[in-house]
């Protein structure tokens, strides 16, 4: 298999622009959703778009990992909840600063609002209606429902637009890379690699080199 074929298969195939993520957050506050879940779902989207966490990592976050009163505020990501790479470069624990600028995606204020009105006592940051912790599938359902409510259609690698059902947590991870490379100044693929915690810069290049040409 040629390198071009491998890269083509590895490239991010769907992503959102920042205004579309804002549409997801607006949709989270729609009265079609249960009132006590609205802040949770908006905070969930804010976390994805700020940190680039994988869905399997996000559902394992505990309240104790949040440090909102520090300056800057950050989230601690222990090694055991991170994806284990198939190399000798298993990830170590990480601290990721959280956005506090209310003019952009104000993750900290969204989390504070959510935590001040949380309906369930749980060690997990994001509990569900039925359990103390959301599952990866329940998070995927929430993201898809918000996309459908907001009619959010992702941009696709072939230049077309997808359907709301195509929006997934991993779409939001790709959207972090798009935001860093297109909407913010002075970020490079190396910065994207560090934010998304890829094992090597090669992985980042394979996923997002085409973003430089969009």
Protein backbone atom coordinates (compact mmCIF):
# COMPACT_ATOMS: atom_id res chain seq x y z
CA UNK A 1 0.00 0.00 0.00
CA UNK A 2 1.43 3.38 -0.96
CA UNK A 3 2.13 6.19 1.51
CA UNK A 4 -0.44 8.35 -0.26
CA UNK A 5 -3.09 5.67 0.28
CA UNK A 6 -2.21 5.32 3.95
CA UNK A 7 -2.35 9.09 4.44
CA UNK A 8 -5.67 9.30 2.61
CA UNK A 9 -7.18 6.69 4.91
CA UNK A 10 -5.76 8.43 8.01
CA UNK A 11 -6.86 11.97 7.22
CA UNK A 12 -9.62 13.64 9.19
CA UNK A 13 -12.70 13.29 7.04
CA UNK A 14 -15.22 15.50 8.92
CA UNK A 15 -14.87 18.60 11.08
CA UNK A 16 -16.75 21.65 12.31
CA UNK A 17 -15.87 25.32 12.23
CA UNK A 18 -16.11 27.34 15.47
CA UNK A 19 -19.47 28.90 14.61
CA UNK A 20 -20.92 25.41 14.19
CA UNK A 21 -19.69 24.39 17.63
CA UNK A 22 -21.44 27.47 18.98
CA UNK A 23 -24.57 26.19 17.25
CA UNK A 24 -24.18 22.88 19.11
CA UNK A 25 -23.92 24.75 22.38
CA UNK A 26 -26.97 26.83 21.58
CA UNK A 27 -28.85 23.66 20.72
CA UNK A 28 -27.91 22.21 24.11
CA UNK A 29 -30.09 24.87 25.77
CA UNK A 30 -33.12 24.08 23.62
CA UNK A 31 -36.32 23.30 25.49
CA UNK A 32 -36.57 20.00 23.62
CA UNK A 33 -34.02 18.67 26.13
CA UNK A 34 -34.65 18.06 29.82
CA UNK A 35 -33.83 21.24 31.72
CA UNK A 36 -31.44 19.62 34.19
CA UNK A 37 -29.35 18.11 31.36
CA UNK A 38 -28.88 21.30 29.34
CA UNK A 39 -25.89 22.72 31.23
CA UNK A 40 -24.25 19.28 31.34
CA UNK A 41 -24.55 18.86 27.59
CA UNK A 42 -23.25 22.34 26.83
CA UNK A 43 -20.30 21.81 29.19
CA UNK A 44 -19.60 18.50 27.47
CA UNK A 45 -19.35 20.22 24.07
CA UNK A 46 -17.18 22.99 25.51
CA UNK A 47 -14.80 20.42 26.98
CA UNK A 48 -14.49 18.52 23.71
CA UNK A 49 -13.81 21.64 21.66
CA UNK A 50 -11.30 23.05 24.13
CA UNK A 51 -9.30 19.97 25.07
CA UNK A 52 -9.67 17.60 22.13
CA UNK A 53 -10.24 14.71 24.52
CA UNK A 54 -11.23 11.35 23.11
CA UNK A 55 -14.71 10.24 24.12
CA UNK A 56 -13.29 7.29 26.05
CA UNK A 57 -11.17 9.72 28.07
CA UNK A 58 -13.93 12.24 28.68
CA UNK A 59 -16.31 9.71 30.23
CA UNK A 60 -13.60 8.67 32.70
CA UNK A 61 -13.02 12.19 34.02
CA UNK A 62 -13.70 12.65 37.73
CA UNK A 63 -14.54 15.88 39.52
CA UNK A 64 -11.24 15.64 41.37
CA UNK A 65 -9.38 16.09 38.09
CA UNK A 66 -10.79 19.62 37.65
CA UNK A 67 -8.84 22.56 39.07
CA UNK A 68 -11.02 25.54 38.22
CA UNK A 69 -9.75 27.79 41.01
CA UNK A 70 -6.15 27.66 39.85
CA UNK A 71 -4.62 30.34 37.62
CA UNK A 72 -4.73 29.20 34.93
CA UNK A 73 -7.53 26.71 35.45
CA UNK A 74 -6.64 23.23 34.23
CA UNK A 75 -7.72 19.63 34.08
CA UNK A 76 -5.47 16.80 35.19
CA UNK A 77 -5.55 13.75 32.92
CA UNK A 78 -4.04 10.70 34.62
CA UNK A 79 -2.12 8.23 32.54
CA UNK A 80 -4.51 5.35 33.13
CA UNK A 81 -7.45 6.99 31.34
CA UNK A 82 -5.48 7.99 28.27
CA UNK A 83 -5.32 5.96 25.11
CA UNK A 84 -2.48 3.45 25.34
CA UNK A 85 -0.35 3.72 22.25
CA UNK A 86 0.92 0.56 20.55
CA UNK A 87 4.52 1.69 21.08
CA UNK A 88 6.91 2.13 23.97
CA UNK A 89 5.69 5.73 24.29
CA UNK A 90 2.76 5.14 26.62
CA UNK A 91 1.39 8.54 27.68
CA UNK A 92 2.18 10.03 31.03
CA UNK A 93 -0.20 12.16 33.12
CA UNK A 94 -0.99 15.54 31.64
CA UNK A 95 -2.26 18.91 32.78
CA UNK A 96 -4.26 20.84 30.19
CA UNK A 97 -5.14 24.50 30.65
CA UNK A 98 -8.82 25.33 30.12
CA UNK A 99 -10.12 28.32 28.19
CA UNK A 100 -11.45 31.20 30.27
CA UNK A 101 -12.07 33.81 27.55
CA UNK A 102 -15.83 34.34 27.49
CA UNK A 103 -15.68 35.79 23.98
CA UNK A 104 -14.61 32.44 22.55
CA UNK A 105 -15.51 29.15 24.18
CA UNK A 106 -15.28 29.96 27.93
CA UNK A 107 -14.91 26.39 29.10
CA UNK A 108 -14.34 27.37 32.71
CA UNK A 109 -17.53 29.42 33.05
CA UNK A 110 -19.54 26.66 31.34
CA UNK A 111 -18.18 24.09 33.77
CA UNK A 112 -18.91 26.35 36.75
CA UNK A 113 -22.48 26.88 35.61
CA UNK A 114 -22.96 23.16 35.14
CA UNK A 115 -21.43 22.21 38.49
CA UNK A 116 -23.49 24.81 40.34
CA UNK A 117 -26.67 23.18 39.05
CA UNK A 118 -25.68 19.53 38.94
CA UNK A 119 -28.60 17.27 39.79
CA UNK A 120 -26.68 14.12 40.75
CA UNK A 121 -23.92 13.53 43.28
CA UNK A 122 -21.23 11.53 41.56
CA UNK A 123 -17.45 11.24 41.48
CA UNK A 124 -17.70 11.35 37.69
CA UNK A 125 -17.67 14.75 36.01
CA UNK A 126 -20.43 13.73 33.62
CA UNK A 127 -23.10 11.44 35.11
CA UNK A 128 -26.07 10.22 33.11
CA UNK A 129 -29.75 10.02 33.97
CA UNK A 130 -29.47 6.29 34.68
CA UNK A 131 -25.98 5.96 36.14
CA UNK A 132 -23.19 7.74 37.96
CA UNK A 133 -21.12 7.99 34.77
CA UNK A 134 -22.01 8.49 31.12
CA UNK A 135 -20.91 5.81 28.66
CA UNK A 136 -19.17 6.48 25.37
CA UNK A 137 -22.36 5.57 23.54
CA UNK A 138 -24.51 7.93 25.61
CA UNK A 139 -22.10 10.78 24.84
CA UNK A 140 -22.27 9.94 21.14
CA UNK A 141 -26.07 10.07 21.32
CA UNK A 142 -25.98 13.48 22.99
CA UNK A 143 -23.62 14.91 20.37
CA UNK A 144 -25.73 13.51 17.53
CA UNK A 145 -28.95 14.85 19.09
CA UNK A 146 -27.46 18.33 19.47
CA UNK A 147 -26.28 18.30 15.86
CA UNK A 148 -29.73 17.29 14.68
CA UNK A 149 -31.43 19.95 16.81
CA UNK A 150 -29.04 22.65 15.56
CA UNK A 151 -28.94 21.32 11.99
CA UNK A 152 -25.15 21.27 12.18
CA UNK A 153 -23.67 19.79 9.02
CA UNK A 154 -19.95 19.01 9.12
CA UNK A 155 -17.46 19.89 6.41
CA UNK A 156 -16.19 16.78 4.62
CA UNK A 157 -12.83 16.01 3.07
CA UNK A 158 -14.32 15.80 -0.44
CA UNK A 159 -15.55 19.40 -0.20
CA UNK A 160 -19.19 18.52 0.43
CA UNK A 161 -21.25 18.88 3.60
CA UNK A 162 -22.38 15.97 5.71
CA UNK A 163 -25.55 15.35 7.67
CA UNK A 164 -26.05 16.10 11.37
CA UNK A 165 -25.86 12.37 12.09
CA UNK A 166 -22.25 12.50 10.88
CA UNK A 167 -21.25 14.69 13.85
CA UNK A 168 -19.49 12.61 16.50
CA UNK A 169 -17.17 13.26 19.45
CA UNK A 170 -14.25 12.53 17.13
CA UNK A 171 -15.55 15.19 14.73
CA UNK A 172 -15.08 17.64 17.59
CA UNK A 173 -11.54 16.35 18.17
CA UNK A 174 -10.75 17.06 14.51
CA UNK A 175 -12.39 20.45 14.94
CA UNK A 176 -9.83 21.39 17.57
CA UNK A 177 -7.10 20.88 14.99
CA UNK A 178 -9.03 22.97 12.45
CA UNK A 179 -9.54 25.77 14.99
CA UNK A 180 -5.87 25.85 15.98
CA UNK A 181 -4.62 25.89 12.40
CA UNK A 182 -7.22 28.25 10.89
CA UNK A 183 -8.85 30.38 13.56
CA UNK A 184 -5.99 31.12 15.94
CA UNK A 185 -2.60 32.67 15.30
CA UNK A 186 0.85 31.07 15.38
CA UNK A 187 -0.20 27.47 15.94
CA UNK A 188 1.56 24.71 14.02
CA UNK A 189 1.06 21.01 13.58
CA UNK A 190 3.43 20.54 16.52
CA UNK A 191 1.04 22.51 18.73
CA UNK A 192 -1.85 20.37 17.47
CA UNK A 193 0.16 17.26 18.27
CA UNK A 194 0.71 18.45 21.83
CA UNK A 195 -2.94 19.38 22.38
CA UNK A 196 -4.31 16.14 20.96
CA UNK A 197 -1.50 14.11 22.55
CA UNK A 198 -0.53 12.10 19.50
CA UNK A 199 2.30 9.65 20.02
CA UNK A 200 4.31 11.16 17.14
CA UNK A 201 4.18 14.19 14.87
CA UNK A 202 3.77 11.76 11.97
CA UNK A 203 0.29 10.89 13.23
CA UNK A 204 -0.63 14.58 13.36
CA UNK A 205 0.67 15.16 9.84
CA UNK A 206 -1.25 12.17 8.48
CA UNK A 207 -4.48 13.38 10.11
CA UNK A 208 -4.29 17.10 9.40
CA UNK A 209 -1.74 18.07 6.76
CA UNK A 210 -4.61 18.75 4.34
CA UNK A 211 -5.99 21.39 6.73
CA UNK A 212 -3.10 23.62 5.65
CA UNK A 213 -4.49 23.53 2.10
CA UNK A 214 -8.15 24.20 2.91
